[in-house]
mmCIF file of all heavy atoms, coordinates in Angstrom:
data_MODEL
# 
_entry.id   MODEL 
# 
loop_
_atom_site.group_PDB 
_atom_site.id 
_atom_site.type_symbol 
_atom_site.label_atom_id 
_atom_site.label_alt_id 
_atom_site.label_comp_id 
_atom_site.label_asym_id 
_atom_site.label_entity_id 
_atom_site.label_seq_id 
_atom_site.pdbx_PDB_ins_code 
_atom_site.Cartn_x 
_atom_site.Cartn_y 
_atom_site.Cartn_z 
_atom_site.occupancy 
_atom_site.B_iso_or_equiv 
_atom_site.pdbx_formal_charge 
_atom_site.auth_seq_id 
_atom_site.auth_comp_id 
_atom_site.auth_asym_id 
_atom_site.auth_atom_id 
_atom_site.pdbx_PDB_model_num 
ATOM 1   N N   . GLN A 1 1  ? -0.227  -14.572 -15.174 1.00 0.00 ? 1  GLN A N   1 
ATOM 2   C CA  . GLN A 1 1  ? -0.273  -13.682 -16.322 1.00 0.00 ? 1  GLN A CA  1 
ATOM 3   C C   . GLN A 1 1  ? 0.722   -12.539 -16.219 1.00 0.00 ? 1  GLN A C   1 
ATOM 4   O O   . GLN A 1 1  ? 1.086   -11.944 -17.220 1.00 0.00 ? 1  GLN A O   1 
ATOM 5   C CB  . GLN A 1 1  ? -1.699  -13.131 -16.505 1.00 0.00 ? 1  GLN A CB  1 
ATOM 6   C CG  . GLN A 1 1  ? -2.681  -14.177 -16.997 1.00 0.00 ? 1  GLN A CG  1 
ATOM 7   C CD  . GLN A 1 1  ? -4.101  -13.649 -17.029 1.00 0.00 ? 1  GLN A CD  1 
ATOM 8   O OE1 . GLN A 1 1  ? -4.505  -12.856 -16.181 1.00 0.00 ? 1  GLN A OE1 1 
ATOM 9   N NE2 . GLN A 1 1  ? -4.868  -14.084 -18.015 1.00 0.00 ? 1  GLN A NE2 1 
ATOM 10  N N   . PHE A 1 2  ? 1.158   -12.201 -15.016 1.00 0.00 ? 2  PHE A N   1 
ATOM 11  C CA  . PHE A 1 2  ? 2.176   -11.178 -14.855 1.00 0.00 ? 2  PHE A CA  1 
ATOM 12  C C   . PHE A 1 2  ? 2.830   -11.337 -13.500 1.00 0.00 ? 2  PHE A C   1 
ATOM 13  O O   . PHE A 1 2  ? 2.295   -11.984 -12.593 1.00 0.00 ? 2  PHE A O   1 
ATOM 14  C CB  . PHE A 1 2  ? 1.596   -9.762  -15.011 1.00 0.00 ? 2  PHE A CB  1 
ATOM 15  C CG  . PHE A 1 2  ? 0.595   -9.381  -13.957 1.00 0.00 ? 2  PHE A CG  1 
ATOM 16  C CD1 . PHE A 1 2  ? 0.983   -8.697  -12.812 1.00 0.00 ? 2  PHE A CD1 1 
ATOM 17  C CD2 . PHE A 1 2  ? -0.754  -9.688  -14.111 1.00 0.00 ? 2  PHE A CD2 1 
ATOM 18  C CE1 . PHE A 1 2  ? 0.058   -8.338  -11.854 1.00 0.00 ? 2  PHE A CE1 1 
ATOM 19  C CE2 . PHE A 1 2  ? -1.686  -9.339  -13.155 1.00 0.00 ? 2  PHE A CE2 1 
ATOM 20  C CZ  . PHE A 1 2  ? -1.277  -8.656  -12.018 1.00 0.00 ? 2  PHE A CZ  1 
ATOM 21  N N   . GLY A 1 3  ? 4.022   -10.781 -13.376 1.00 0.00 ? 3  GLY A N   1 
ATOM 22  C CA  . GLY A 1 3  ? 4.748   -10.791 -12.117 1.00 0.00 ? 3  GLY A CA  1 
ATOM 23  C C   . GLY A 1 3  ? 4.883   -9.381  -11.592 1.00 0.00 ? 3  GLY A C   1 
ATOM 24  O O   . GLY A 1 3  ? 4.855   -8.401  -12.341 1.00 0.00 ? 3  GLY A O   1 
ATOM 25  N N   . MET A 1 4  ? 5.052   -9.265  -10.287 1.00 0.00 ? 4  MET A N   1 
ATOM 26  C CA  . MET A 1 4  ? 5.117   -7.941  -9.682  1.00 0.00 ? 4  MET A CA  1 
ATOM 27  C C   . MET A 1 4  ? 5.977   -7.978  -8.434  1.00 0.00 ? 4  MET A C   1 
ATOM 28  O O   . MET A 1 4  ? 5.944   -8.941  -7.663  1.00 0.00 ? 4  MET A O   1 
ATOM 29  C CB  . MET A 1 4  ? 3.702   -7.448  -9.337  1.00 0.00 ? 4  MET A CB  1 
ATOM 30  C CG  . MET A 1 4  ? 3.668   -6.071  -8.690  1.00 0.00 ? 4  MET A CG  1 
ATOM 31  S SD  . MET A 1 4  ? 1.981   -5.512  -8.391  1.00 0.00 ? 4  MET A SD  1 
ATOM 32  C CE  . MET A 1 4  ? 1.420   -5.241  -10.067 1.00 0.00 ? 4  MET A CE  1 
ATOM 33  N N   . ASP A 1 5  ? 6.768   -6.953  -8.247  1.00 0.00 ? 5  ASP A N   1 
ATOM 34  C CA  . ASP A 1 5  ? 7.554   -6.770  -7.024  1.00 0.00 ? 5  ASP A CA  1 
ATOM 35  C C   . ASP A 1 5  ? 7.651   -5.273  -6.775  1.00 0.00 ? 5  ASP A C   1 
ATOM 36  O O   . ASP A 1 5  ? 8.606   -4.607  -7.178  1.00 0.00 ? 5  ASP A O   1 
ATOM 37  C CB  . ASP A 1 5  ? 8.938   -7.402  -7.179  1.00 0.00 ? 5  ASP A CB  1 
ATOM 38  C CG  . ASP A 1 5  ? 9.710   -7.384  -5.861  1.00 0.00 ? 5  ASP A CG  1 
ATOM 39  O OD1 . ASP A 1 5  ? 9.132   -6.965  -4.838  1.00 0.00 ? 5  ASP A OD1 1 
ATOM 40  O OD2 . ASP A 1 5  ? 10.883  -7.789  -5.856  1.00 0.00 ? 5  ASP A OD2 1 
ATOM 41  N N   . LEU A 1 6  ? 6.617   -4.735  -6.130  1.00 0.00 ? 6  LEU A N   1 
ATOM 42  C CA  . LEU A 1 6  ? 6.493   -3.299  -5.913  1.00 0.00 ? 6  LEU A CA  1 
ATOM 43  C C   . LEU A 1 6  ? 6.641   -2.965  -4.440  1.00 0.00 ? 6  LEU A C   1 
ATOM 44  O O   . LEU A 1 6  ? 6.110   -3.660  -3.578  1.00 0.00 ? 6  LEU A O   1 
ATOM 45  C CB  . LEU A 1 6  ? 5.129   -2.797  -6.393  1.00 0.00 ? 6  LEU A CB  1 
ATOM 46  C CG  . LEU A 1 6  ? 4.939   -2.495  -7.876  1.00 0.00 ? 6  LEU A CG  1 
ATOM 47  C CD1 . LEU A 1 6  ? 3.509   -2.051  -8.130  1.00 0.00 ? 6  LEU A CD1 1 
ATOM 48  C CD2 . LEU A 1 6  ? 5.913   -1.434  -8.357  1.00 0.00 ? 6  LEU A CD2 1 
ATOM 49  N N   . ARG A 1 7  ? 7.349   -1.887  -4.173  1.00 0.00 ? 7  ARG A N   1 
ATOM 50  C CA  . ARG A 1 7  ? 7.415   -1.321  -2.828  1.00 0.00 ? 7  ARG A CA  1 
ATOM 51  C C   . ARG A 1 7  ? 6.614   -0.025  -2.841  1.00 0.00 ? 7  ARG A C   1 
ATOM 52  O O   . ARG A 1 7  ? 6.855   0.854   -3.688  1.00 0.00 ? 7  ARG A O   1 
ATOM 53  C CB  . ARG A 1 7  ? 8.875   -1.077  -2.436  1.00 0.00 ? 7  ARG A CB  1 
ATOM 54  C CG  . ARG A 1 7  ? 9.638   -2.373  -2.251  1.00 0.00 ? 7  ARG A CG  1 
ATOM 55  C CD  . ARG A 1 7  ? 11.119  -2.159  -2.188  1.00 0.00 ? 7  ARG A CD  1 
ATOM 56  N NE  . ARG A 1 7  ? 11.656  -1.651  -3.438  1.00 0.00 ? 7  ARG A NE  1 
ATOM 57  C CZ  . ARG A 1 7  ? 11.888  -2.393  -4.508  1.00 0.00 ? 7  ARG A CZ  1 
ATOM 58  N NH1 . ARG A 1 7  ? 11.598  -3.694  -4.492  1.00 0.00 ? 7  ARG A NH1 1 
ATOM 59  N NH2 . ARG A 1 7  ? 12.376  -1.862  -5.608  1.00 0.00 ? 7  ARG A NH2 1 
ATOM 60  N N   . LEU A 1 8  ? 5.680   0.074   -1.922  1.00 0.00 ? 8  LEU A N   1 
ATOM 61  C CA  . LEU A 1 8  ? 4.742   1.183   -1.894  1.00 0.00 ? 8  LEU A CA  1 
ATOM 62  C C   . LEU A 1 8  ? 4.877   1.964   -0.599  1.00 0.00 ? 8  LEU A C   1 
ATOM 63  O O   . LEU A 1 8  ? 5.149   1.388   0.465   1.00 0.00 ? 8  LEU A O   1 
ATOM 64  C CB  . LEU A 1 8  ? 3.298   0.691   -2.022  1.00 0.00 ? 8  LEU A CB  1 
ATOM 65  C CG  . LEU A 1 8  ? 2.973   -0.250  -3.185  1.00 0.00 ? 8  LEU A CG  1 
ATOM 66  C CD1 . LEU A 1 8  ? 1.560   -0.765  -3.054  1.00 0.00 ? 8  LEU A CD1 1 
ATOM 67  C CD2 . LEU A 1 8  ? 3.154   0.473   -4.507  1.00 0.00 ? 8  LEU A CD2 1 
ATOM 68  N N   . SER A 1 9  ? 4.642   3.247   -0.696  1.00 0.00 ? 9  SER A N   1 
ATOM 69  C CA  . SER A 1 9  ? 4.527   4.082   0.490   1.00 0.00 ? 9  SER A CA  1 
ATOM 70  C C   . SER A 1 9  ? 3.433   5.093   0.242   1.00 0.00 ? 9  SER A C   1 
ATOM 71  O O   . SER A 1 9  ? 3.135   5.434   -0.909  1.00 0.00 ? 9  SER A O   1 
ATOM 72  C CB  . SER A 1 9  ? 5.855   4.783   0.810   1.00 0.00 ? 9  SER A CB  1 
ATOM 73  O OG  . SER A 1 9  ? 6.202   5.690   -0.223  1.00 0.00 ? 9  SER A OG  1 
ATOM 74  N N   . ALA A 1 10 ? 2.803   5.556   1.308   1.00 0.00 ? 10 ALA A N   1 
ATOM 75  C CA  . ALA A 1 10 ? 1.719   6.527   1.172   1.00 0.00 ? 10 ALA A CA  1 
ATOM 76  C C   . ALA A 1 10 ? 1.609   7.343   2.447   1.00 0.00 ? 10 ALA A C   1 
ATOM 77  O O   . ALA A 1 10 ? 1.693   6.799   3.546   1.00 0.00 ? 10 ALA A O   1 
ATOM 78  C CB  . ALA A 1 10 ? 0.388   5.825   0.882   1.00 0.00 ? 10 ALA A CB  1 
ATOM 79  N N   . LYS A 1 11 ? 1.438   8.642   2.267   1.00 0.00 ? 11 LYS A N   1 
ATOM 80  C CA  . LYS A 1 11 ? 1.205   9.490   3.424   1.00 0.00 ? 11 LYS A CA  1 
ATOM 81  C C   . LYS A 1 11 ? -0.140  9.166   4.067   1.00 0.00 ? 11 LYS A C   1 
ATOM 82  O O   . LYS A 1 11 ? -0.277  9.213   5.288   1.00 0.00 ? 11 LYS A O   1 
ATOM 83  C CB  . LYS A 1 11 ? 1.252   10.958  3.008   1.00 0.00 ? 11 LYS A CB  1 
ATOM 84  C CG  . LYS A 1 11 ? 2.611   11.411  2.502   1.00 0.00 ? 11 LYS A CG  1 
ATOM 85  C CD  . LYS A 1 11 ? 2.574   12.875  2.090   1.00 0.00 ? 11 LYS A CD  1 
ATOM 86  C CE  . LYS A 1 11 ? 3.937   13.338  1.573   1.00 0.00 ? 11 LYS A CE  1 
ATOM 87  N NZ  . LYS A 1 11 ? 3.907   14.753  1.132   1.00 0.00 ? 11 LYS A NZ  1 
ATOM 88  N N   . ALA A 1 12 ? -1.120  8.839   3.234   1.00 0.00 ? 12 ALA A N   1 
ATOM 89  C CA  . ALA A 1 12 ? -2.440  8.466   3.735   1.00 0.00 ? 12 ALA A CA  1 
ATOM 90  C C   . ALA A 1 12 ? -2.981  7.332   2.879   1.00 0.00 ? 12 ALA A C   1 
ATOM 91  O O   . ALA A 1 12 ? -2.869  7.360   1.651   1.00 0.00 ? 12 ALA A O   1 
ATOM 92  C CB  . ALA A 1 12 ? -3.399  9.654   3.698   1.00 0.00 ? 12 ALA A CB  1 
ATOM 93  N N   . ALA A 1 13 ? -3.536  6.311   3.522   1.00 0.00 ? 13 ALA A N   1 
ATOM 94  C CA  . ALA A 1 13 ? -4.105  5.162   2.822   1.00 0.00 ? 13 ALA A CA  1 
ATOM 95  C C   . ALA A 1 13 ? -5.490  4.889   3.394   1.00 0.00 ? 13 ALA A C   1 
ATOM 96  O O   . ALA A 1 13 ? -5.638  4.699   4.606   1.00 0.00 ? 13 ALA A O   1 
ATOM 97  C CB  . ALA A 1 13 ? -3.205  3.942   2.974   1.00 0.00 ? 13 ALA A CB  1 
ATOM 98  N N   . GLU A 1 14 ? -6.476  4.875   2.519   1.00 0.00 ? 14 GLU A N   1 
ATOM 99  C CA  . GLU A 1 14 ? -7.852  4.604   2.948   1.00 0.00 ? 14 GLU A CA  1 
ATOM 100 C C   . GLU A 1 14 ? -8.136  3.116   2.810   1.00 0.00 ? 14 GLU A C   1 
ATOM 101 O O   . GLU A 1 14 ? -7.859  2.513   1.781   1.00 0.00 ? 14 GLU A O   1 
ATOM 102 C CB  . GLU A 1 14 ? -8.842  5.405   2.103   1.00 0.00 ? 14 GLU A CB  1 
ATOM 103 C CG  . GLU A 1 14 ? -8.651  6.910   2.168   1.00 0.00 ? 14 GLU A CG  1 
ATOM 104 C CD  . GLU A 1 14 ? -8.912  7.464   3.556   1.00 0.00 ? 14 GLU A CD  1 
ATOM 105 O OE1 . GLU A 1 14 ? -9.793  6.905   4.267   1.00 0.00 ? 14 GLU A OE1 1 
ATOM 106 O OE2 . GLU A 1 14 ? -8.242  8.431   3.946   1.00 0.00 ? 14 GLU A OE2 1 
ATOM 107 N N   . PHE A 1 15 ? -8.649  2.548   3.879   1.00 0.00 ? 15 PHE A N   1 
ATOM 108 C CA  . PHE A 1 15 ? -9.122  1.168   3.856   1.00 0.00 ? 15 PHE A CA  1 
ATOM 109 C C   . PHE A 1 15 ? -10.457 1.176   4.596   1.00 0.00 ? 15 PHE A C   1 
ATOM 110 O O   . PHE A 1 15 ? -10.530 0.855   5.779   1.00 0.00 ? 15 PHE A O   1 
ATOM 111 C CB  . PHE A 1 15 ? -8.123  0.223   4.536   1.00 0.00 ? 15 PHE A CB  1 
ATOM 112 C CG  . PHE A 1 15 ? -8.376  -1.231  4.253   1.00 0.00 ? 15 PHE A CG  1 
ATOM 113 C CD1 . PHE A 1 15 ? -7.785  -1.843  3.170   1.00 0.00 ? 15 PHE A CD1 1 
ATOM 114 C CD2 . PHE A 1 15 ? -9.230  -1.959  5.050   1.00 0.00 ? 15 PHE A CD2 1 
ATOM 115 C CE1 . PHE A 1 15 ? -8.026  -3.175  2.898   1.00 0.00 ? 15 PHE A CE1 1 
ATOM 116 C CE2 . PHE A 1 15 ? -9.478  -3.297  4.783   1.00 0.00 ? 15 PHE A CE2 1 
ATOM 117 C CZ  . PHE A 1 15 ? -8.874  -3.904  3.711   1.00 0.00 ? 15 PHE A CZ  1 
ATOM 118 N N   . ALA A 1 16 ? -11.481 1.674   3.875   1.00 0.00 ? 16 ALA A N   1 
ATOM 119 C CA  . ALA A 1 16 ? -12.770 1.976   4.495   1.00 0.00 ? 16 ALA A CA  1 
ATOM 120 C C   . ALA A 1 16 ? -13.224 0.846   5.425   1.00 0.00 ? 16 ALA A C   1 
ATOM 121 O O   . ALA A 1 16 ? -13.161 -0.333  5.061   1.00 0.00 ? 16 ALA A O   1 
ATOM 122 C CB  . ALA A 1 16 ? -13.833 2.218   3.404   1.00 0.00 ? 16 ALA A CB  1 
ATOM 123 N N   . PRO A 1 17 ? -13.629 1.228   6.658   1.00 0.00 ? 17 PRO A N   1 
ATOM 124 C CA  . PRO A 1 17 ? -13.829 2.599   7.155   1.00 0.00 ? 17 PRO A CA  1 
ATOM 125 C C   . PRO A 1 17 ? -12.618 3.173   7.883   1.00 0.00 ? 17 PRO A C   1 
ATOM 126 O O   . PRO A 1 17 ? -12.759 4.133   8.655   1.00 0.00 ? 17 PRO A O   1 
ATOM 127 C CB  . PRO A 1 17 ? -14.995 2.408   8.128   1.00 0.00 ? 17 PRO A CB  1 
ATOM 128 C CG  . PRO A 1 17 ? -14.756 1.050   8.705   1.00 0.00 ? 17 PRO A CG  1 
ATOM 129 C CD  . PRO A 1 17 ? -14.159 0.226   7.600   1.00 0.00 ? 17 PRO A CD  1 
ATOM 130 N N   . PHE A 1 18 ? -11.421 2.625   7.662   1.00 0.00 ? 18 PHE A N   1 
ATOM 131 C CA  . PHE A 1 18 ? -10.251 3.071   8.399   1.00 0.00 ? 18 PHE A CA  1 
ATOM 132 C C   . PHE A 1 18 ? -9.341  3.910   7.508   1.00 0.00 ? 18 PHE A C   1 
ATOM 133 O O   . PHE A 1 18 ? -9.349  3.787   6.278   1.00 0.00 ? 18 PHE A O   1 
ATOM 134 C CB  . PHE A 1 18 ? -9.474  1.875   8.954   1.00 0.00 ? 18 PHE A CB  1 
ATOM 135 C CG  . PHE A 1 18 ? -10.278 0.992   9.853   1.00 0.00 ? 18 PHE A CG  1 
ATOM 136 C CD1 . PHE A 1 18 ? -10.710 -0.252  9.433   1.00 0.00 ? 18 PHE A CD1 1 
ATOM 137 C CD2 . PHE A 1 18 ? -10.629 1.406   11.124  1.00 0.00 ? 18 PHE A CD2 1 
ATOM 138 C CE1 . PHE A 1 18 ? -11.461 -1.068  10.248  1.00 0.00 ? 18 PHE A CE1 1 
ATOM 139 C CE2 . PHE A 1 18 ? -11.380 0.601   11.953  1.00 0.00 ? 18 PHE A CE2 1 
ATOM 140 C CZ  . PHE A 1 18 ? -11.801 -0.643  11.516  1.00 0.00 ? 18 PHE A CZ  1 
ATOM 141 N N   . SER A 1 19 ? -8.515  4.726   8.166   1.00 0.00 ? 19 SER A N   1 
ATOM 142 C CA  . SER A 1 19 ? -7.517  5.534   7.488   1.00 0.00 ? 19 SER A CA  1 
ATOM 143 C C   . SER A 1 19 ? -6.159  5.236   8.101   1.00 0.00 ? 19 SER A C   1 
ATOM 144 O O   . SER A 1 19 ? -5.999  5.299   9.326   1.00 0.00 ? 19 SER A O   1 
ATOM 145 C CB  . SER A 1 19 ? -7.832  7.030   7.628   1.00 0.00 ? 19 SER A CB  1 
ATOM 146 O OG  . SER A 1 19 ? -9.047  7.353   6.964   1.00 0.00 ? 19 SER A OG  1 
ATOM 147 N N   . LEU A 1 20 ? -5.196  4.902   7.257   1.00 0.00 ? 20 LEU A N   1 
ATOM 148 C CA  . LEU A 1 20 ? -3.836  4.629   7.697   1.00 0.00 ? 20 LEU A CA  1 
ATOM 149 C C   . LEU A 1 20 ? -2.944  5.808   7.318   1.00 0.00 ? 20 LEU A C   1 
ATOM 150 O O   . LEU A 1 20 ? -3.193  6.490   6.327   1.00 0.00 ? 20 LEU A O   1 
ATOM 151 C CB  . LEU A 1 20 ? -3.293  3.358   7.046   1.00 0.00 ? 20 LEU A CB  1 
ATOM 152 C CG  . LEU A 1 20 ? -4.111  2.086   7.197   1.00 0.00 ? 20 LEU A CG  1 
ATOM 153 C CD1 . LEU A 1 20 ? -3.431  0.932   6.467   1.00 0.00 ? 20 LEU A CD1 1 
ATOM 154 C CD2 . LEU A 1 20 ? -4.301  1.731   8.656   1.00 0.00 ? 20 LEU A CD2 1 
ATOM 155 N N   . ARG A 1 21 ? -1.918  6.025   8.104   1.00 0.00 ? 21 ARG A N   1 
ATOM 156 C CA  . ARG A 1 21 ? -0.930  7.055   7.799   1.00 0.00 ? 21 ARG A CA  1 
ATOM 157 C C   . ARG A 1 21 ? 0.455   6.439   7.722   1.00 0.00 ? 21 ARG A C   1 
ATOM 158 O O   . ARG A 1 21 ? 0.732   5.433   8.369   1.00 0.00 ? 21 ARG A O   1 
ATOM 159 C CB  . ARG A 1 21 ? -0.956  8.154   8.879   1.00 0.00 ? 21 ARG A CB  1 
ATOM 160 C CG  . ARG A 1 21 ? -2.231  8.996   8.894   1.00 0.00 ? 21 ARG A CG  1 
ATOM 161 C CD  . ARG A 1 21 ? -2.170  10.115  9.919   1.00 0.00 ? 21 ARG A CD  1 
ATOM 162 N NE  . ARG A 1 21 ? -2.208  9.618   11.292  1.00 0.00 ? 21 ARG A NE  1 
ATOM 163 C CZ  . ARG A 1 21 ? -1.182  9.607   12.117  1.00 0.00 ? 21 ARG A CZ  1 
ATOM 164 N NH1 . ARG A 1 21 ? 0.011   10.059  11.704  1.00 0.00 ? 21 ARG A NH1 1 
ATOM 165 N NH2 . ARG A 1 21 ? -1.295  9.149   13.348  1.00 0.00 ? 21 ARG A NH2 1 
ATOM 166 N N   . ASP A 1 22 ? 1.305   7.073   6.917   1.00 0.00 ? 22 ASP A N   1 
ATOM 167 C CA  . ASP A 1 22 ? 2.701   6.663   6.801   1.00 0.00 ? 22 ASP A CA  1 
ATOM 168 C C   . ASP A 1 22 ? 2.821   5.167   6.498   1.00 0.00 ? 22 ASP A C   1 
ATOM 169 O O   . ASP A 1 22 ? 3.514   4.415   7.191   1.00 0.00 ? 22 ASP A O   1 
ATOM 170 C CB  . ASP A 1 22 ? 3.467   7.005   8.085   1.00 0.00 ? 22 ASP A CB  1 
ATOM 171 C CG  . ASP A 1 22 ? 3.409   8.492   8.403   1.00 0.00 ? 22 ASP A CG  1 
ATOM 172 O OD1 . ASP A 1 22 ? 3.440   9.287   7.454   1.00 0.00 ? 22 ASP A OD1 1 
ATOM 173 O OD2 . ASP A 1 22 ? 3.325   8.850   9.592   1.00 0.00 ? 22 ASP A OD2 1 
ATOM 174 N N   . LEU A 1 23 ? 2.141   4.769   5.437   1.00 0.00 ? 23 LEU A N   1 
ATOM 175 C CA  . LEU A 1 23 ? 2.130   3.363   5.041   1.00 0.00 ? 23 LEU A CA  1 
ATOM 176 C C   . LEU A 1 23 ? 3.422   2.996   4.316   1.00 0.00 ? 23 LEU A C   1 
ATOM 177 O O   . LEU A 1 23 ? 3.895   3.720   3.448   1.00 0.00 ? 23 LEU A O   1 
ATOM 178 C CB  . LEU A 1 23 ? 0.936   3.096   4.126   1.00 0.00 ? 23 LEU A CB  1 
ATOM 179 C CG  . LEU A 1 23 ? 0.884   1.725   3.445   1.00 0.00 ? 23 LEU A CG  1 
ATOM 180 C CD1 . LEU A 1 23 ? 0.548   0.644   4.466   1.00 0.00 ? 23 LEU A CD1 1 
ATOM 181 C CD2 . LEU A 1 23 ? -0.145  1.722   2.314   1.00 0.00 ? 23 LEU A CD2 1 
ATOM 182 N N   . ALA A 1 24 ? 3.993   1.863   4.690   1.00 0.00 ? 24 ALA A N   1 
ATOM 183 C CA  . ALA A 1 24 ? 5.125   1.269   3.961   1.00 0.00 ? 24 ALA A CA  1 
ATOM 184 C C   . ALA A 1 24 ? 4.754   -0.175  3.686   1.00 0.00 ? 24 ALA A C   1 
ATOM 185 O O   . ALA A 1 24 ? 4.541   -0.959  4.619   1.00 0.00 ? 24 ALA A O   1 
ATOM 186 C CB  . ALA A 1 24 ? 6.407   1.361   4.781   1.00 0.00 ? 24 ALA A CB  1 
ATOM 187 N N   . ALA A 1 25 ? 4.637   -0.537  2.411   1.00 0.00 ? 25 ALA A N   1 
ATOM 188 C CA  . ALA A 1 25 ? 4.121   -1.864  2.063   1.00 0.00 ? 25 ALA A CA  1 
ATOM 189 C C   . ALA A 1 25 ? 4.842   -2.393  0.838   1.00 0.00 ? 25 ALA A C   1 
ATOM 190 O O   . ALA A 1 25 ? 5.591   -1.681  0.154   1.00 0.00 ? 25 ALA A O   1 
ATOM 191 C CB  . ALA A 1 25 ? 2.619   -1.797  1.809   1.00 0.00 ? 25 ALA A CB  1 
ATOM 192 N N   . GLY A 1 26 ? 4.595   -3.647  0.554   1.00 0.00 ? 26 GLY A N   1 
ATOM 193 C CA  . GLY A 1 26 ? 5.157   -4.290  -0.620  1.00 0.00 ? 26 GLY A CA  1 
ATOM 194 C C   . GLY A 1 26 ? 4.177   -5.269  -1.219  1.00 0.00 ? 26 GLY A C   1 
ATOM 195 O O   . GLY A 1 26 ? 3.419   -5.926  -0.496  1.00 0.00 ? 26 GLY A O   1 
ATOM 196 N N   . MET A 1 27 ? 4.158   -5.350  -2.547  1.00 0.00 ? 27 MET A N   1 
ATOM 197 C CA  . MET A 1 27 ? 3.291   -6.288  -3.242  1.00 0.00 ? 27 MET A CA  1 
ATOM 198 C C   . MET A 1 27 ? 4.151   -7.169  -4.144  1.00 0.00 ? 27 MET A C   1 
ATOM 199 O O   . MET A 1 27 ? 5.000   -6.677  -4.883  1.00 0.00 ? 27 MET A O   1 
ATOM 200 C CB  . MET A 1 27 ? 2.242   -5.564  -4.072  1.00 0.00 ? 27 MET A CB  1 
ATOM 201 C CG  . MET A 1 27 ? 1.483   -6.472  -5.033  1.00 0.00 ? 27 MET A CG  1 
ATOM 202 S SD  . MET A 1 27 ? -0.055  -5.753  -5.591  1.00 0.00 ? 27 MET A SD  1 
ATOM 203 C CE  . MET A 1 27 ? -1.101  -6.116  -4.201  1.00 0.00 ? 27 MET A CE  1 
ATOM 204 N N   . ARG A 1 28 ? 3.905   -8.468  -4.066  1.00 0.00 ? 28 ARG A N   1 
ATOM 205 C CA  . ARG A 1 28 ? 4.702   -9.416  -4.847  1.00 0.00 ? 28 ARG A CA  1 
ATOM 206 C C   . ARG A 1 28 ? 3.782   -10.463 -5.448  1.00 0.00 ? 28 ARG A C   1 
ATOM 207 O O   . ARG A 1 28 ? 2.945   -11.041 -4.743  1.00 0.00 ? 28 ARG A O   1 
ATOM 208 C CB  . ARG A 1 28 ? 5.755   -10.074 -3.962  1.00 0.00 ? 28 ARG A CB  1 
ATOM 209 C CG  . ARG A 1 28 ? 6.771   -10.911 -4.721  1.00 0.00 ? 28 ARG A CG  1 
ATOM 210 C CD  . ARG A 1 28 ? 7.823   -11.448 -3.767  1.00 0.00 ? 28 ARG A CD  1 
ATOM 211 N NE  . ARG A 1 28 ? 8.862   -12.200 -4.448  1.00 0.00 ? 28 ARG A NE  1 
ATOM 212 C CZ  . ARG A 1 28 ? 9.939   -11.675 -4.981  1.00 0.00 ? 28 ARG A CZ  1 
ATOM 213 N NH1 . ARG A 1 28 ? 10.121  -10.363 -4.903  1.00 0.00 ? 28 ARG A NH1 1 
ATOM 214 N NH2 . ARG A 1 28 ? 10.832  -12.421 -5.584  1.00 0.00 ? 28 ARG A NH2 1 
# 
């Protein structure tokens, strides 16, 4: 239904119960 090619970054990323810092990711 849709296409995506995103590059993401975040100073803080919550993935309960964990917390990530300085995230660099991509979604396709």
